Amino acid sequence: MTVDGTVLVLGGTGRQGGATARALLERGRVVHALVRDPRADAARALAEAGAVLV
């Protein structure tokens, strides 16, 4: 079975969500990450890695 499409990660700057988002990005997935503060360093790093911040 293959899974395609965009993934929404809740808590994208948290410990679990951040690790999940980075792992998905490394595998070439499209990631939308729900973050509390898009100006936070962790959120900016996630965006630079390719995630779309929500």
PDB file of N, CA and C in Angstrom:
ATOM      1  N   MET A   1       0.829  -1.172   0.000  1.00  0.00           N
ATOM      2  CA  MET A   1       0.000   0.000   0.000  1.00  0.00           C
ATOM      3  C   MET A   1       0.878   1.242   0.000  1.00  0.00           C
ATOM      4  N   THR A   2       0.537   2.208  -0.834  1.00  0.00           N
ATOM      5  CA  THR A   2       1.263   3.473  -0.843  1.00  0.00           C
ATOM      6  C   THR A   2       0.335   4.589  -0.392  1.00  0.00           C
ATOM      7  N   VAL A   3       0.919   5.546   0.281  1.00  0.00           N
ATOM      8  CA  VAL A   3       0.154   6.681   0.776  1.00  0.00           C
ATOM      9  C   VAL A   3       0.749   7.940   0.166  1.00  0.00           C
ATOM     10  N   ASP A   4      -0.086   8.706  -0.513  1.00  0.00           N
ATOM     11  CA  ASP A   4       0.360   9.956  -1.122  1.00  0.00           C
ATOM     12  C   ASP A   4      -0.455  11.105  -0.553  1.00  0.00           C
ATOM     13  N   GLY A   5       0.030  12.305  -0.745  1.00  0.00           N
ATOM     14  CA  GLY A   5      -0.737  13.470  -0.331  1.00  0.00           C
ATOM     15  C   GLY A   5      -0.028  14.287   0.725  1.00  0.00           C
ATOM     16  N   THR A   6      -0.752  15.258   1.198  1.00  0.00           N
ATOM     17  CA  THR A   6      -0.239  16.186   2.190  1.00  0.00           C
ATOM     18  C   THR A   6      -0.568  15.687   3.587  1.00  0.00           C
ATOM     19  N   VAL A   7       0.376  15.906   4.508  1.00  0.00           N
ATOM     20  CA  VAL A   7       0.187  15.485   5.896  1.00  0.00           C
ATOM     21  C   VAL A   7       0.097  16.731   6.767  1.00  0.00           C
ATOM     22  N   LEU A   8      -0.892  16.775   7.652  1.00  0.00           N
ATOM     23  CA  LEU A   8      -0.996  17.848   8.640  1.00  0.00           C
ATOM     24  C   LEU A   8      -0.458  17.317   9.963  1.00  0.00           C
ATOM     25  N   VAL A   9       0.552  17.997  10.487  1.00  0.00           N
ATOM     26  CA  VAL A   9       1.137  17.611  11.771  1.00  0.00           C
ATOM     27  C   VAL A   9       0.698  18.633  12.810  1.00  0.00           C
ATOM     28  N   LEU A  10       0.027  18.158  13.840  1.00  0.00           N
ATOM     29  CA  LEU A  10      -0.394  19.040  14.932  1.00  0.00           C
ATOM     30  C   LEU A  10       0.754  19.185  15.919  1.00  0.00           C
ATOM     31  N   GLY A  11       0.976  20.391  16.401  1.00  0.00           N
ATOM     32  CA  GLY A  11       2.074  20.611  17.343  1.00  0.00           C
ATOM     33  C   GLY A  11       3.421  20.500  16.657  1.00  0.00           C
ATOM     34  N   GLY A  12       3.549  21.135  15.505  1.00  0.00           N
ATOM     35  CA  GLY A  12       4.744  21.001  14.679  1.00  0.00           C
ATOM     36  C   GLY A  12       6.043  21.445  15.318  1.00  0.00           C
ATOM     37  N   THR A  13       5.982  22.262  16.357  1.00  0.00           N
ATOM     38  CA  THR A  13       7.219  22.694  17.012  1.00  0.00           C
ATOM     39  C   THR A  13       7.467  21.964  18.324  1.00  0.00           C
ATOM     40  N   GLY A  14       6.588  21.062  18.673  1.00  0.00           N
ATOM     41  CA  GLY A  14       6.767  20.280  19.896  1.00  0.00           C
ATOM     42  C   GLY A  14       7.731  19.127  19.682  1.00  0.00           C
ATOM     43  N   ARG A  15       7.977  18.386  20.728  1.00  0.00           N
ATOM     44  CA  ARG A  15       8.928  17.278  20.666  1.00  0.00           C
ATOM     45  C   ARG A  15       8.461  16.186  19.708  1.00  0.00           C
ATOM     46  N   GLN A  16       7.252  15.697  19.885  1.00  0.00           N
ATOM     47  CA  GLN A  16       6.724  14.617  19.034  1.00  0.00           C
ATOM     48  C   GLN A  16       6.390  15.127  17.633  1.00  0.00           C
ATOM     49  N   GLY A  17       5.642  16.237  17.584  1.00  0.00           N
ATOM     50  CA  GLY A  17       5.223  16.772  16.293  1.00  0.00           C
ATOM     51  C   GLY A  17       6.392  17.234  15.446  1.00  0.00           C
ATOM     52  N   GLY A  18       7.368  17.855  16.079  1.00  0.00           N
ATOM     53  CA  GLY A  18       8.544  18.320  15.351  1.00  0.00           C
ATOM     54  C   GLY A  18       9.341  17.170  14.757  1.00  0.00           C
ATOM     55  N   ALA A  19       9.522  16.125  15.535  1.00  0.00           N
ATOM     56  CA  ALA A  19      10.253  14.953  15.041  1.00  0.00           C
ATOM     57  C   ALA A  19       9.496  14.295  13.891  1.00  0.00           C
ATOM     58  N   THR A  20       8.185  14.228  14.031  1.00  0.00           N
ATOM     59  CA  THR A  20       7.359  13.634  12.978  1.00  0.00           C
ATOM     60  C   THR A  20       7.432  14.469  11.708  1.00  0.00           C
ATOM     61  N   ALA A  21       7.295  15.776  11.842  1.00  0.00           N
ATOM     62  CA  ALA A  21       7.339  16.669  10.680  1.00  0.00           C
ATOM     63  C   ALA A  21       8.679  16.566   9.965  1.00  0.00           C
ATOM     64  N   ARG A  22       9.772  16.583  10.711  1.00  0.00           N
ATOM     65  CA  ARG A  22      11.098  16.493  10.090  1.00  0.00           C
ATOM     66  C   ARG A  22      11.301  15.154   9.389  1.00  0.00           C
ATOM     67  N   ALA A  23      10.845  14.076  10.010  1.00  0.00           N
ATOM     68  CA  ALA A  23      10.986  12.750   9.395  1.00  0.00           C
ATOM     69  C   ALA A  23      10.195  12.673   8.090  1.00  0.00           C
ATOM     70  N   LEU A  24       8.995  13.227   8.084  1.00  0.00           N
ATOM     71  CA  LEU A  24       8.182  13.219   6.864  1.00  0.00           C
ATOM     72  C   LEU A  24       8.819  14.071   5.774  1.00  0.00           C
ATOM     73  N   LEU A  25       9.343  15.234   6.143  1.00  0.00           N
ATOM     74  CA  LEU A  25      10.009  16.092   5.167  1.00  0.00           C
ATOM     75  C   LEU A  25      11.228  15.399   4.568  1.00  0.00           C
ATOM     76  N   GLU A  26      11.987  14.694   5.395  1.00  0.00           N
ATOM     77  CA  GLU A  26      13.159  13.967   4.910  1.00  0.00           C
ATOM     78  C   GLU A  26      12.778  12.882   3.912  1.00  0.00           C
ATOM     79  N   ARG A  27      11.560  12.380   4.024  1.00  0.00           N
ATOM     80  CA  ARG A  27      11.070  11.341   3.115  1.00  0.00           C
ATOM     81  C   ARG A  27      10.355  11.933   1.902  1.00  0.00           C
ATOM     82  N   GLY A  28      10.424  13.253   1.777  1.00  0.00           N
ATOM     83  CA  GLY A  28       9.866  13.903   0.606  1.00  0.00           C
ATOM     84  C   GLY A  28       8.378  14.182   0.645  1.00  0.00           C
ATOM     85  N   ARG A  29       7.775  14.065   1.809  1.00  0.00           N
ATOM     86  CA  ARG A  29       6.331  14.317   1.935  1.00  0.00           C
ATOM     87  C   ARG A  29       6.061  15.814   2.029  1.00  0.00           C
ATOM     88  N   VAL A  30       4.858  16.213   1.641  1.00  0.00           N
ATOM     89  CA  VAL A  30       4.406  17.594   1.811  1.00  0.00           C
ATOM     90  C   VAL A  30       3.822  17.688   3.216  1.00  0.00           C
ATOM     91  N   VAL A  31       4.360  18.610   4.017  1.00  0.00           N
ATOM     92  CA  VAL A  31       3.949  18.726   5.417  1.00  0.00           C
ATOM     93  C   VAL A  31       3.383  20.113   5.688  1.00  0.00           C
ATOM     94  N   HIS A  32       2.194  20.141   6.242  1.00  0.00           N
ATOM     95  CA  HIS A  32       1.610  21.363   6.797  1.00  0.00           C
ATOM     96  C   HIS A  32       1.676  21.176   8.307  1.00  0.00           C
ATOM     97  N   ALA A  33       2.271  22.137   8.993  1.00  0.00           N
ATOM     98  CA  ALA A  33       2.478  22.005  10.436  1.00  0.00           C
ATOM     99  C   ALA A  33       1.694  23.075  11.185  1.00  0.00           C
ATOM    100  N   LEU A  34       0.848  22.639  12.094  1.00  0.00           N
ATOM    101  CA  LEU A  34       0.110  23.558  12.951  1.00  0.00           C
ATOM    102  C   LEU A  34       1.045  24.010  14.071  1.00  0.00           C
ATOM    103  N   VAL A  35       1.277  25.314  14.151  1.00  0.00           N
ATOM    104  CA  VAL A  35       2.185  25.860  15.165  1.00  0.00           C
ATOM    105  C   VAL A  35       1.488  26.986  15.922  1.00  0.00           C
ATOM    106  N   ARG A  36       1.906  27.200  17.138  1.00  0.00           N
ATOM    107  CA  ARG A  36       1.312  28.249  17.971  1.00  0.00           C
ATOM    108  C   ARG A  36       1.829  29.630  17.567  1.00  0.00           C
ATOM    109  N   ASP A  37       3.146  29.739  17.366  1.00  0.00           N
ATOM    110  CA  ASP A  37       3.758  31.028  17.036  1.00  0.00           C
ATOM    111  C   ASP A  37       4.675  30.851  15.829  1.00  0.00           C
ATOM    112  N   PRO A  38       4.239  31.273  14.643  1.00  0.00           N
ATOM    113  CA  PRO A  38       5.059  31.088  13.443  1.00  0.00           C
ATOM    114  C   PRO A  38       6.356  31.898  13.453  1.00  0.00           C
ATOM    115  N   ARG A  39       6.495  32.824  14.400  1.00  0.00           N
ATOM    116  CA  ARG A  39       7.725  33.613  14.501  1.00  0.00           C
ATOM    117  C   ARG A  39       8.764  32.958  15.407  1.00  0.00           C
ATOM    118  N   ALA A  40       8.389  31.894  16.097  1.00  0.00           N
ATOM    119  CA  ALA A  40       9.318  31.204  17.003  1.00  0.00           C
ATOM    120  C   ALA A  40      10.446  30.553  16.201  1.00  0.00           C
ATOM    121  N   ASP A  41      11.596  30.428  16.831  1.00  0.00           N
ATOM    122  CA  ASP A  41      12.756  29.837  16.156  1.00  0.00           C
ATOM    123  C   ASP A  41      12.463  28.445  15.622  1.00  0.00           C
ATOM    124  N   ALA A  42      11.792  27.626  16.422  1.00  0.00           N
ATOM    125  CA  ALA A  42      11.495  26.255  15.993  1.00  0.00           C
ATOM    126  C   ALA A  42      10.572  26.250  14.776  1.00  0.00           C
ATOM    127  N   ALA A  43       9.621  27.167  14.744  1.00  0.00           N
ATOM    128  CA  ALA A  43       8.699  27.252  13.610  1.00  0.00           C
ATOM    129  C   ALA A  43       9.433  27.721  12.360  1.00  0.00           C
ATOM    130  N   ARG A  44      10.295  28.685  12.515  1.00  0.00           N
ATOM    131  CA  ARG A  44      11.069  29.177  11.362  1.00  0.00           C
ATOM    132  C   ARG A  44      11.973  28.084  10.805  1.00  0.00           C
ATOM    133  N   ALA A  45      12.578  27.310  11.677  1.00  0.00           N
ATOM    134  CA  ALA A  45      13.439  26.212  11.228  1.00  0.00           C
ATOM    135  C   ALA A  45      12.629  25.171  10.465  1.00  0.00           C
ATOM    136  N   LEU A  46      11.440  24.900  10.941  1.00  0.00           N
ATOM    137  CA  LEU A  46      10.573  23.935  10.274  1.00  0.00           C
ATOM    138  C   LEU A  46      10.173  24.449   8.891  1.00  0.00           C
ATOM    139  N   ALA A  47       9.863  25.731   8.797  1.00  0.00           N
ATOM    140  CA  ALA A  47       9.512  26.328   7.506  1.00  0.00           C
ATOM    141  C   ALA A  47      10.699  26.279   6.547  1.00  0.00           C
ATOM    142  N   GLU A  48      11.891  26.549   7.060  1.00  0.00           N
ATOM    143  CA  GLU A  48      13.092  26.491   6.225  1.00  0.00           C
ATOM    144  C   GLU A  48      13.362  25.081   5.729  1.00  0.00           C
ATOM    145  N   ALA A  49      12.928  24.090   6.495  1.00  0.00           N
ATOM    146  CA  ALA A  49      13.101  22.688   6.090  1.00  0.00           C
ATOM    147  C   ALA A  49      12.079  22.288   5.028  1.00  0.00           C
ATOM    148  N   GLY A  50      11.063  23.160   4.814  1.00  0.00           N
ATOM    149  CA  GLY A  50      10.106  22.881   3.754  1.00  0.00           C
ATOM    150  C   GLY A  50       8.666  22.739   4.175  1.00  0.00           C
ATOM    151  N   ALA A  51       8.391  22.848   5.456  1.00  0.00           N
ATOM    152  CA  ALA A  51       7.010  22.712   5.925  1.00  0.00           C
ATOM    153  C   ALA A  51       6.230  23.997   5.667  1.00  0.00           C
ATOM    154  N   VAL A  52       4.943  23.839   5.465  1.00  0.00           N
ATOM    155  CA  VAL A  52       4.032  24.976   5.366  1.00  0.00           C
ATOM    156  C   VAL A  52       3.448  25.178   6.760  1.00  0.00           C
ATOM    157  N   LEU A  53       3.616  26.365   7.312  1.00  0.00           N
ATOM    158  CA  LEU A  53       3.116  26.631   8.663  1.00  0.00           C
ATOM    159  C   LEU A  53       1.653  27.046   8.614  1.00  0.00           C
ATOM    160  N   VAL A  54       0.881  26.483   9.522  1.00  0.00           N
ATOM    161  CA  VAL A  54      -0.550  26.787   9.616  1.00  0.00           C
ATOM    162  C   VAL A  54      -0.811  27.376  10.990  1.00  0.00           C
TER     163      VAL A  54
END
